[in-house]
C-alpha cells in the first residue's frame, strides 16, 4: 500500500463542539450552580422531552445509571429472568445484574442487527414467566420495535428500550426512546451529541419519573434533615455537564445529517467490494447513522482466529478480514473498532442462557464453526467492523480511508 499516515488521527467518533456549550457551562460557573440542580438541567430535560416525544425526562450521570433505574422501576428481583439484546455493549446488560436479575440473551436478526423478534417469541415459549425485556438499538439503527413491543404486550412484559446509541433515530416516524415503558439515552463522549458524560431516563409516567429523581439523589425524604427510607444512588446529572448537553441539542439534526453523509459515501465507495453496510429499511426507519459499519462477504474472508484477548489472520490474495482492516487503519492513524462481541460469548456471561430463532442456543459456537450459522450475532462479530465515522472527517480523508480498505482486498 502506497499511503502516508494521516497527520491528525481520524477518530471512530469524537465529540464535535460548537461554542454554545461553553457559554452554558460558564453560566453555571458564574451563577455558582455547579452541582446537581440548576437551569441547565431543567432545560435539557425539557429539550429531551420535546425532541423525543415523551412526557418526562430525568437527567442522570450516565446512560448506565439511566438503565439501572429503568431496571429498578421495572421491579426486577433477585433470580428473575430478563430477556436482553445479545449483540450490544455490556452496559445494556450489567444493570440487570445490579438488581439481581439473570439475563437471557436473545439472538440478533440480520435486517437491523438488533434483537430478533422470532427469537424473542421462542424465548417466551421456553420461559413464559419472564416479565422484562431489554432491547438495544445498535449503532443508531432502530430494532423492529413494533413487533417487539407487541410481543411484550402479549406476554404482559415490561419493555425497556436502550436508545443510548440511537437518539434522533425514528421507527415508522416515531422517535426511539419512546417504545419502552422506561427508556434510556446516553450523552457519552462518542455519542451523536455529548455532554462528555451524562444520560437520561425517559418515560410517560410521572410516578416513575419522580421515583427516578428521588433514587438518583440518594433517596432523600421530604424532611428538614437527611432522612432515608430506601436505597438511593448518586446518579443525578450535574448542572455543568447539562450545560454541555444544552449546547449540543440544537445541533443534533446537523450531526445526524453529517453521519448519514459518511454512511452514504462508504456505501458508494464500497459498491464494487464483496461487502455490505450495516442494514436498515428506509421505508420503515431512519437511523441516526451514529456509526457506519461493514460486513465482509463469507467468500471474501481470509482465515482469522480470535482468542479472548488477541486476533490473528492469514493474508490471502483477494481476501481480507476485520483484523487486517483494523490493523491497517491503525497503521495509517485511523481508528476503527470490532463489532460488539455478543454477550453470550463474553466470559462473564458465557454460562447464561441464549436463545436463537431455532430455540435454545447454548453451545452454538460449535455450530458456527461447522458453518451452520444459526448464531447470527457471532457471525456478524466475526465478519464485521465499525468504520471511522467521525463527523469532522473531511471527504478527502474518508476517500483515503476507502482506498486503504480497498487495498486490503488486493
Protein backbone atom coordinates (compact mmCIF):
# COMPACT_ATOMS: atom_id res chain seq x y z
CA UNK A 1 0.00 0.00 0.00
CA UNK A 2 1.38 3.37 -1.01
CA UNK A 3 -0.29 5.65 1.54
CA UNK A 4 1.06 8.14 4.04
CA UNK A 5 -0.37 8.18 7.58
CA UNK A 6 -2.90 10.85 8.45
CA UNK A 7 -1.19 13.77 10.19
CA UNK A 8 -4.07 14.08 12.64
CA UNK A 9 -5.74 10.94 13.91
CA UNK A 10 -9.08 10.06 12.34
CA UNK A 11 -11.26 9.00 15.24
CA UNK A 12 -14.08 6.50 15.31
CA UNK A 13 -16.47 9.11 16.74
CA UNK A 14 -15.22 12.02 18.83
CA UNK A 15 -17.09 14.99 20.34
CA UNK A 16 -17.99 17.82 17.97
CA UNK A 17 -18.29 21.08 19.87
CA UNK A 18 -19.84 24.34 18.67
CA UNK A 19 -19.33 27.06 21.29
CA UNK A 20 -22.74 27.34 22.95
CA UNK A 21 -21.67 24.54 25.28
CA UNK A 22 -19.02 26.75 26.86
CA UNK A 23 -21.49 29.60 27.31
CA UNK A 24 -23.89 27.41 29.31
CA UNK A 25 -21.04 25.88 31.34
CA UNK A 26 -19.74 29.37 32.08
CA UNK A 27 -23.21 30.43 33.18
CA UNK A 28 -23.25 27.55 35.66
CA UNK A 29 -19.87 28.74 36.95
CA UNK A 30 -20.85 32.40 37.20
CA UNK A 31 -24.12 31.69 38.98
CA UNK A 32 -22.41 29.11 41.22
CA UNK A 33 -24.91 26.37 40.27
CA UNK A 34 -22.21 23.71 39.91
CA UNK A 35 -23.94 20.75 41.50
CA UNK A 36 -26.99 18.63 40.62
CA UNK A 37 -29.57 21.42 40.41
CA UNK A 38 -29.78 24.39 38.07
CA UNK A 39 -31.25 25.89 34.92
CA UNK A 40 -29.18 23.79 32.54
CA UNK A 41 -30.60 20.56 33.98
CA UNK A 42 -34.15 21.85 33.72
CA UNK A 43 -33.58 22.96 30.14
CA UNK A 44 -32.03 19.72 28.87
CA UNK A 45 -34.84 17.69 30.40
CA UNK A 46 -37.34 19.88 28.56
CA UNK A 47 -35.33 19.64 25.32
CA UNK A 48 -35.26 15.86 25.54
CA UNK A 49 -39.00 15.51 26.08
CA UNK A 50 -39.70 17.89 23.21
CA UNK A 51 -37.35 16.13 20.80
CA UNK A 52 -38.14 12.52 21.69
CA UNK A 53 -41.83 12.98 22.37
CA UNK A 54 -42.06 11.51 25.85
CA UNK A 55 -43.68 13.26 28.79
CA UNK A 56 -40.84 13.15 31.32
CA UNK A 57 -37.04 13.08 31.28
CA UNK A 58 -34.71 12.63 34.25
CA UNK A 59 -31.14 13.84 33.65
CA UNK A 60 -28.59 11.44 35.12
CA UNK A 61 -24.83 10.99 35.38
CA UNK A 62 -24.59 8.45 32.52
CA UNK A 63 -26.62 6.15 30.32
CA UNK A 64 -25.77 3.19 32.55
CA UNK A 65 -27.31 4.98 35.54
CA UNK A 66 -30.43 5.56 33.46
CA UNK A 67 -30.60 1.88 32.53
CA UNK A 68 -30.09 0.86 36.16
CA UNK A 69 -33.01 2.96 37.30
CA UNK A 70 -35.08 1.56 34.41
CA UNK A 71 -34.40 -1.94 35.79
CA UNK A 72 -35.30 -0.83 39.29
CA UNK A 73 -38.55 0.72 38.07
CA UNK A 74 -39.36 -2.50 36.20
CA UNK A 75 -39.27 -4.31 39.53
CA UNK A 76 -36.56 -6.84 38.71
CA UNK A 77 -35.92 -9.04 41.74
CA UNK A 78 -33.19 -11.48 42.69
CA UNK A 79 -33.31 -14.52 40.43
CA UNK A 80 -35.71 -13.05 37.84
CA UNK A 81 -35.06 -13.90 34.21
CA UNK A 82 -34.75 -10.88 31.89
CA UNK A 83 -34.61 -11.15 28.09
CA UNK A 84 -31.88 -8.90 26.67
CA UNK A 85 -30.27 -7.97 23.37
CA UNK A 86 -27.24 -10.16 22.71
CA UNK A 87 -25.15 -8.01 20.38
CA UNK A 88 -24.68 -4.85 22.41
CA UNK A 89 -22.31 -3.12 24.82
CA UNK A 90 -22.37 -4.69 28.27
CA UNK A 91 -23.83 -1.52 29.79
CA UNK A 92 -27.16 -2.71 28.38
CA UNK A 93 -26.93 -5.88 30.42
CA UNK A 94 -24.96 -5.18 33.60
CA UNK A 95 -27.78 -3.18 35.28
CA UNK A 96 -29.96 -6.30 35.11
CA UNK A 97 -27.41 -8.00 37.33
CA UNK A 98 -27.18 -4.94 39.62
CA UNK A 99 -30.79 -5.70 40.60
CA UNK A 100 -30.16 -9.45 40.96
CA UNK A 101 -31.73 -10.40 37.62
CA UNK A 102 -30.41 -13.11 35.31
CA UNK A 103 -30.03 -12.09 31.64
CA UNK A 104 -31.21 -14.48 28.94
CA UNK A 105 -29.72 -13.35 25.65
CA UNK A 106 -31.85 -13.10 22.51
CA UNK A 107 -30.05 -13.62 19.21
CA UNK A 108 -29.68 -10.95 16.54
CA UNK A 109 -31.55 -10.70 13.25
CA UNK A 110 -29.89 -9.66 10.01
CA UNK A 111 -32.34 -6.97 8.88
CA UNK A 112 -31.27 -4.47 11.56
CA UNK A 113 -28.53 -6.24 13.58
CA UNK A 114 -30.85 -5.92 16.59
CA UNK A 115 -32.96 -8.27 18.73
CA UNK A 116 -34.69 -10.92 16.61
CA UNK A 117 -38.47 -10.87 17.25
CA UNK A 118 -38.69 -14.52 16.15
CA UNK A 119 -36.10 -15.47 18.76
CA UNK A 120 -37.94 -13.36 21.35
CA UNK A 121 -41.17 -15.27 20.66
CA UNK A 122 -39.26 -18.52 21.06
CA UNK A 123 -37.81 -17.28 24.35
CA UNK A 124 -41.28 -16.58 25.75
CA UNK A 125 -42.37 -20.09 24.73
CA UNK A 126 -39.42 -21.50 26.66
CA UNK A 127 -39.51 -19.13 29.66
CA UNK A 128 -43.10 -17.78 29.81
CA UNK A 129 -42.81 -16.24 33.28
CA UNK A 130 -40.25 -13.64 32.15
CA UNK A 131 -41.66 -10.15 32.69
CA UNK A 132 -38.94 -7.74 31.49
CA UNK A 133 -37.32 -7.31 28.05
CA UNK A 134 -34.33 -5.00 27.43
CA UNK A 135 -33.82 -4.08 23.78
CA UNK A 136 -30.91 -2.01 22.43
CA UNK A 137 -30.80 -0.11 19.11
CA UNK A 138 -27.38 -0.96 17.71
CA UNK A 139 -25.17 1.74 16.18
CA UNK A 140 -28.11 4.12 15.81
CA UNK A 141 -30.44 1.80 13.87
CA UNK A 142 -33.80 1.00 15.49
CA UNK A 143 -34.77 -2.61 16.01
CA UNK A 144 -38.16 -3.92 14.91
CA UNK A 145 -39.76 -2.03 17.75
CA UNK A 146 -43.38 -2.50 16.71
CA UNK A 147 -43.03 -6.29 16.62
CA UNK A 148 -41.01 -6.40 19.83
CA UNK A 149 -43.49 -4.12 21.64
CA UNK A 150 -46.41 -6.28 20.54
CA UNK A 151 -44.73 -9.48 21.74
CA UNK A 152 -44.10 -7.85 25.13
CA UNK A 153 -47.76 -6.77 25.38
CA UNK A 154 -48.95 -10.29 24.54
CA UNK A 155 -46.93 -11.64 27.46
CA UNK A 156 -47.62 -8.75 29.86
CA UNK A 157 -43.90 -7.94 29.94
CA UNK A 158 -42.31 -4.55 30.54
CA UNK A 159 -40.15 -3.29 27.65
CA UNK A 160 -37.04 -1.24 28.43
CA UNK A 161 -35.58 0.48 25.37
CA UNK A 162 -31.85 1.13 25.41
CA UNK A 163 -31.68 4.05 22.97
CA UNK A 164 -28.20 5.10 24.13
CA UNK A 165 -26.86 4.89 20.57
CA UNK A 166 -29.98 5.96 18.67
CA UNK A 167 -31.03 9.44 19.86
CA UNK A 168 -32.75 11.14 16.93
CA UNK A 169 -33.46 7.92 15.02
CA UNK A 170 -37.05 7.09 14.11
CA UNK A 171 -39.06 3.90 13.55
CA UNK A 172 -42.20 4.39 11.46
CA UNK A 173 -41.92 8.10 12.16
CA UNK A 174 -41.68 7.67 15.94
CA UNK A 175 -38.53 8.65 17.83
CA UNK A 176 -36.58 5.93 19.57
CA UNK A 177 -36.57 6.26 23.32
CA UNK A 178 -40.37 6.11 23.45
CA UNK A 179 -41.19 2.47 22.73
CA UNK A 180 -40.49 1.14 26.21
CA UNK A 181 -42.29 1.78 29.45
CA UNK A 182 -38.87 3.03 30.58
CA UNK A 183 -36.15 4.19 28.18
CA UNK A 184 -32.55 5.36 28.34
CA UNK A 185 -30.33 7.61 26.23
CA UNK A 186 -26.65 8.50 26.59
CA UNK A 187 -24.53 11.61 26.18
CA UNK A 188 -21.19 9.80 26.45
CA UNK A 189 -18.23 11.45 24.71
CA UNK A 190 -18.57 9.46 21.50
CA UNK A 191 -22.37 9.69 21.06
CA UNK A 192 -24.31 11.63 18.42
CA UNK A 193 -24.44 14.57 20.86
CA UNK A 194 -22.42 14.63 24.05
CA UNK A 195 -22.07 16.11 27.50
CA UNK A 196 -18.68 14.37 27.90
CA UNK A 197 -20.79 12.11 30.10
CA UNK A 198 -24.42 12.00 31.15
CA UNK A 199 -27.61 10.20 30.27
CA UNK A 200 -31.36 10.35 30.68
CA UNK A 201 -34.26 8.18 31.73
CA UNK A 202 -37.32 8.79 29.55
CA UNK A 203 -40.88 7.79 30.43
CA UNK A 204 -44.53 8.81 30.13
CA UNK A 205 -45.12 8.02 33.80
CA UNK A 206 -44.93 10.91 36.26
CA UNK A 207 -44.75 8.44 39.15
CA UNK A 208 -41.77 6.68 37.56
CA UNK A 209 -40.01 9.97 36.82
CA UNK A 210 -40.46 11.14 40.40
CA UNK A 211 -39.15 7.83 41.76
CA UNK A 212 -36.11 8.01 39.49
CA UNK A 213 -35.34 11.59 40.59
CA UNK A 214 -35.58 10.57 44.23
CA UNK A 215 -33.44 7.46 43.82
CA UNK A 216 -30.85 9.44 41.84
CA UNK A 217 -30.29 11.86 44.74
CA UNK A 218 -29.70 9.24 47.44
CA UNK A 219 -33.43 8.77 48.11
CA UNK A 220 -33.70 11.74 50.40
CA UNK A 221 -37.12 12.09 52.03
CA UNK A 222 -39.02 15.38 52.36
CA UNK A 223 -37.78 16.24 55.84
CA UNK A 224 -35.81 19.10 57.49
CA UNK A 225 -32.82 16.74 57.84
CA UNK A 226 -31.27 13.97 55.78
CA UNK A 227 -33.84 11.23 56.10
CA UNK A 228 -33.57 7.98 54.08
CA UNK A 229 -36.12 5.19 53.96
CA UNK A 230 -34.92 3.29 50.89
CA UNK A 231 -31.71 2.67 48.94
CA UNK A 232 -30.53 5.58 46.83
CA UNK A 233 -27.77 6.46 44.38
CA UNK A 234 -25.61 9.43 43.44
CA UNK A 235 -26.85 9.44 39.83
CA UNK A 236 -28.09 12.98 39.11
CA UNK A 237 -26.51 14.91 36.22
CA UNK A 238 -24.50 17.98 37.23
CA UNK A 239 -25.53 21.43 36.04
CA UNK A 240 -22.13 21.81 34.36
CA UNK A 241 -22.49 18.64 32.27
CA UNK A 242 -26.06 19.67 31.50
CA UNK A 243 -24.64 22.91 30.10
CA UNK A 244 -22.65 20.93 27.54
CA UNK A 245 -25.69 18.85 26.57
CA UNK A 246 -27.82 22.01 26.36
CA UNK A 247 -25.38 23.49 23.86
CA UNK A 248 -25.31 20.27 21.84
CA UNK A 249 -29.04 19.63 21.46
CA UNK A 250 -29.65 22.28 18.76
CA UNK A 251 -27.01 20.54 16.63
CA UNK A 252 -28.49 17.03 16.79
CA UNK A 253 -30.03 17.10 13.31
CA UNK A 254 -26.86 18.61 11.88
CA UNK A 255 -24.79 15.78 13.36
CA UNK A 256 -27.22 13.17 12.03
CA UNK A 257 -27.01 14.66 8.52
CA UNK A 258 -23.20 14.58 8.67
CA UNK A 259 -23.20 10.97 9.89
CA UNK A 260 -25.63 9.95 7.14
CA UNK A 261 -23.40 11.54 4.50
CA UNK A 262 -20.46 9.49 5.86
CA UNK A 263 -22.52 6.28 5.67
CA UNK A 264 -23.61 7.01 2.08
CA UNK A 265 -20.06 7.79 0.94
CA UNK A 266 -18.88 4.48 2.35
CA UNK A 267 -21.77 2.66 0.69
CA UNK A 268 -20.92 4.20 -2.68
CA UNK A 269 -17.18 3.73 -2.22
CA UNK A 270 -17.55 0.03 -1.41
CA UNK A 271 -20.12 -0.82 -4.10
CA UNK A 272 -17.61 -2.93 -6.04
CA UNK A 273 -16.26 -4.75 -2.97
CA UNK A 274 -17.65 -8.01 -1.53
CA UNK A 275 -19.09 -6.19 1.49
CA UNK A 276 -22.38 -4.76 2.78
CA UNK A 277 -23.06 -1.90 5.18
CA UNK A 278 -24.94 -2.20 8.47
CA UNK A 279 -28.51 -2.59 7.17
CA UNK A 280 -31.74 -0.66 7.59
CA UNK A 281 -35.06 -0.49 5.76
CA UNK A 282 -35.53 3.09 4.58
CA UNK A 283 -39.28 2.50 4.22
CA UNK A 284 -39.59 1.73 7.92
CA UNK A 285 -36.91 3.59 9.84
CA UNK A 286 -34.42 6.41 9.68
CA UNK A 287 -31.27 5.70 11.73
CA UNK A 288 -29.12 8.42 13.22
CA UNK A 289 -26.14 6.76 11.48
CA UNK A 290 -24.01 7.08 14.62
CA UNK A 291 -21.50 4.51 13.38
CA UNK A 292 -21.00 3.23 9.84
CA UNK A 293 -20.18 -0.48 9.80
CA UNK A 294 -19.34 -3.03 7.13
CA UNK A 295 -19.78 -6.78 6.83
CA UNK A 296 -17.39 -8.79 4.67
CA UNK A 297 -18.92 -11.49 2.49
CA UNK A 298 -18.13 -15.01 3.70
CA UNK A 299 -16.42 -15.82 0.39
CA UNK A 300 -14.07 -12.83 0.80
CA UNK A 301 -12.93 -13.66 4.34
CA UNK A 302 -9.34 -14.75 4.85
CA UNK A 303 -8.53 -17.06 7.76
CA UNK A 304 -9.00 -15.25 11.08
CA UNK A 305 -8.75 -16.56 14.63
CA UNK A 306 -9.64 -14.67 17.78
CA UNK A 307 -8.69 -15.66 21.31
CA UNK A 308 -10.08 -13.90 24.38
CA UNK A 309 -7.61 -11.02 24.01
CA UNK A 310 -5.86 -11.34 20.66
CA UNK A 311 -6.64 -11.78 16.98
CA UNK A 312 -4.65 -13.38 14.19
CA UNK A 313 -5.15 -13.78 10.46
CA UNK A 314 -3.50 -15.31 7.40
CA UNK A 315 -3.35 -12.99 4.39
CA UNK A 316 -4.95 -14.41 1.25
CA UNK A 317 -4.98 -12.79 -2.18
CA UNK A 318 -8.30 -11.11 -2.90
CA UNK A 319 -9.50 -11.62 0.65
CA UNK A 320 -9.30 -9.83 3.98
CA UNK A 321 -10.88 -9.82 7.46
CA UNK A 322 -11.79 -7.31 10.18
CA UNK A 323 -8.48 -7.87 11.96
CA UNK A 324 -6.42 -6.96 8.89
CA UNK A 325 -8.53 -3.90 8.08
CA UNK A 326 -8.46 -2.59 11.66
CA UNK A 327 -4.70 -3.11 11.96
CA UNK A 328 -4.17 -1.40 8.60
CA UNK A 329 -6.32 1.59 9.56
CA UNK A 330 -4.38 1.93 12.82
CA UNK A 331 -1.13 1.84 10.85
CA UNK A 332 -2.28 4.94 8.96
CA UNK A 333 -3.53 6.70 12.12
CA UNK A 334 -7.24 6.00 11.70
CA UNK A 335 -9.48 4.39 14.32
CA UNK A 336 -11.97 1.60 13.66
CA UNK A 337 -13.41 -0.94 16.07
CA UNK A 338 -14.66 -4.53 16.07
CA UNK A 339 -18.40 -5.09 16.19
CA UNK A 340 -19.68 -5.59 19.74
CA UNK A 341 -18.83 -9.12 20.79
CA UNK A 342 -22.15 -10.82 21.64
CA UNK A 343 -22.93 -11.01 25.33
CA UNK A 344 -23.42 -14.78 25.36
CA UNK A 345 -19.80 -15.14 24.19
CA UNK A 346 -18.39 -12.86 26.90
CA UNK A 347 -16.58 -14.70 29.71
CA UNK A 348 -18.73 -13.03 32.37
CA UNK A 349 -21.97 -14.24 30.75
CA UNK A 350 -20.86 -17.39 28.97
CA UNK A 351 -22.96 -19.66 31.19
CA UNK A 352 -26.14 -17.63 30.71
CA UNK A 353 -28.98 -18.92 28.56
CA UNK A 354 -29.01 -17.86 24.91
CA UNK A 355 -31.99 -18.19 22.58
CA UNK A 356 -31.92 -18.17 18.77
CA UNK A 357 -34.80 -18.24 16.32
CA UNK A 358 -34.50 -22.03 16.41
CA UNK A 359 -34.67 -22.27 20.19
CA UNK A 360 -32.09 -22.87 22.93
CA UNK A 361 -28.80 -21.56 21.60
CA UNK A 362 -26.38 -22.90 24.18
CA UNK A 363 -23.34 -24.44 22.52
CA UNK A 364 -23.93 -22.71 19.19
CA UNK A 365 -20.27 -21.77 18.89
CA UNK A 366 -19.59 -25.29 17.65
CA UNK A 367 -22.42 -24.96 15.15
CA UNK A 368 -20.89 -21.71 13.87
CA UNK A 369 -17.52 -23.39 13.37
CA UNK A 370 -19.31 -26.05 11.30
CA UNK A 371 -20.76 -23.20 9.20
CA UNK A 372 -24.30 -23.92 10.37
CA UNK A 373 -24.82 -20.27 11.08
CA UNK A 374 -27.76 -20.06 13.45
CA UNK A 375 -25.91 -17.77 15.86
CA UNK A 376 -26.33 -14.58 13.84
CA UNK A 377 -24.61 -12.28 16.33
CA UNK A 378 -21.38 -14.28 16.32
CA UNK A 379 -21.40 -14.37 12.53
CA UNK A 380 -21.68 -10.56 12.35
CA UNK A 381 -18.98 -10.23 15.01
CA UNK A 382 -16.61 -12.46 13.04
CA UNK A 383 -17.10 -10.67 9.72
CA UNK A 384 -18.00 -7.10 10.69
CA UNK A 385 -16.25 -3.93 11.83
CA UNK A 386 -17.05 -0.32 12.72
CA UNK A 387 -15.51 2.21 10.35
CA UNK A 388 -14.11 5.65 11.18
CA UNK A 389 -17.31 7.69 11.50
CA UNK A 390 -16.19 10.99 12.95
CA UNK A 391 -18.27 13.85 11.55
CA UNK A 392 -15.22 16.13 11.47
CA UNK A 393 -13.57 13.81 8.94
CA UNK A 394 -13.24 15.52 5.55
CA UNK A 395 -14.42 13.98 2.29
CA UNK A 396 -10.79 13.63 1.16
CA UNK A 397 -9.88 11.87 4.40
CA UNK A 398 -12.80 9.49 4.04
CA UNK A 399 -11.93 8.79 0.42
CA UNK A 400 -8.42 7.88 1.54
CA UNK A 401 -9.84 5.50 4.15
CA UNK A 402 -11.97 3.89 1.45
CA UNK A 403 -8.88 3.38 -0.73
CA UNK A 404 -6.93 1.92 2.20
CA UNK A 405 -9.71 -0.60 2.81
CA UNK A 406 -9.96 -1.45 -0.88
CA UNK A 407 -6.25 -2.24 -0.90
CA UNK A 408 -6.81 -4.83 1.86
CA UNK A 409 -8.80 -6.89 -0.66
CA UNK A 410 -5.94 -6.99 -3.20
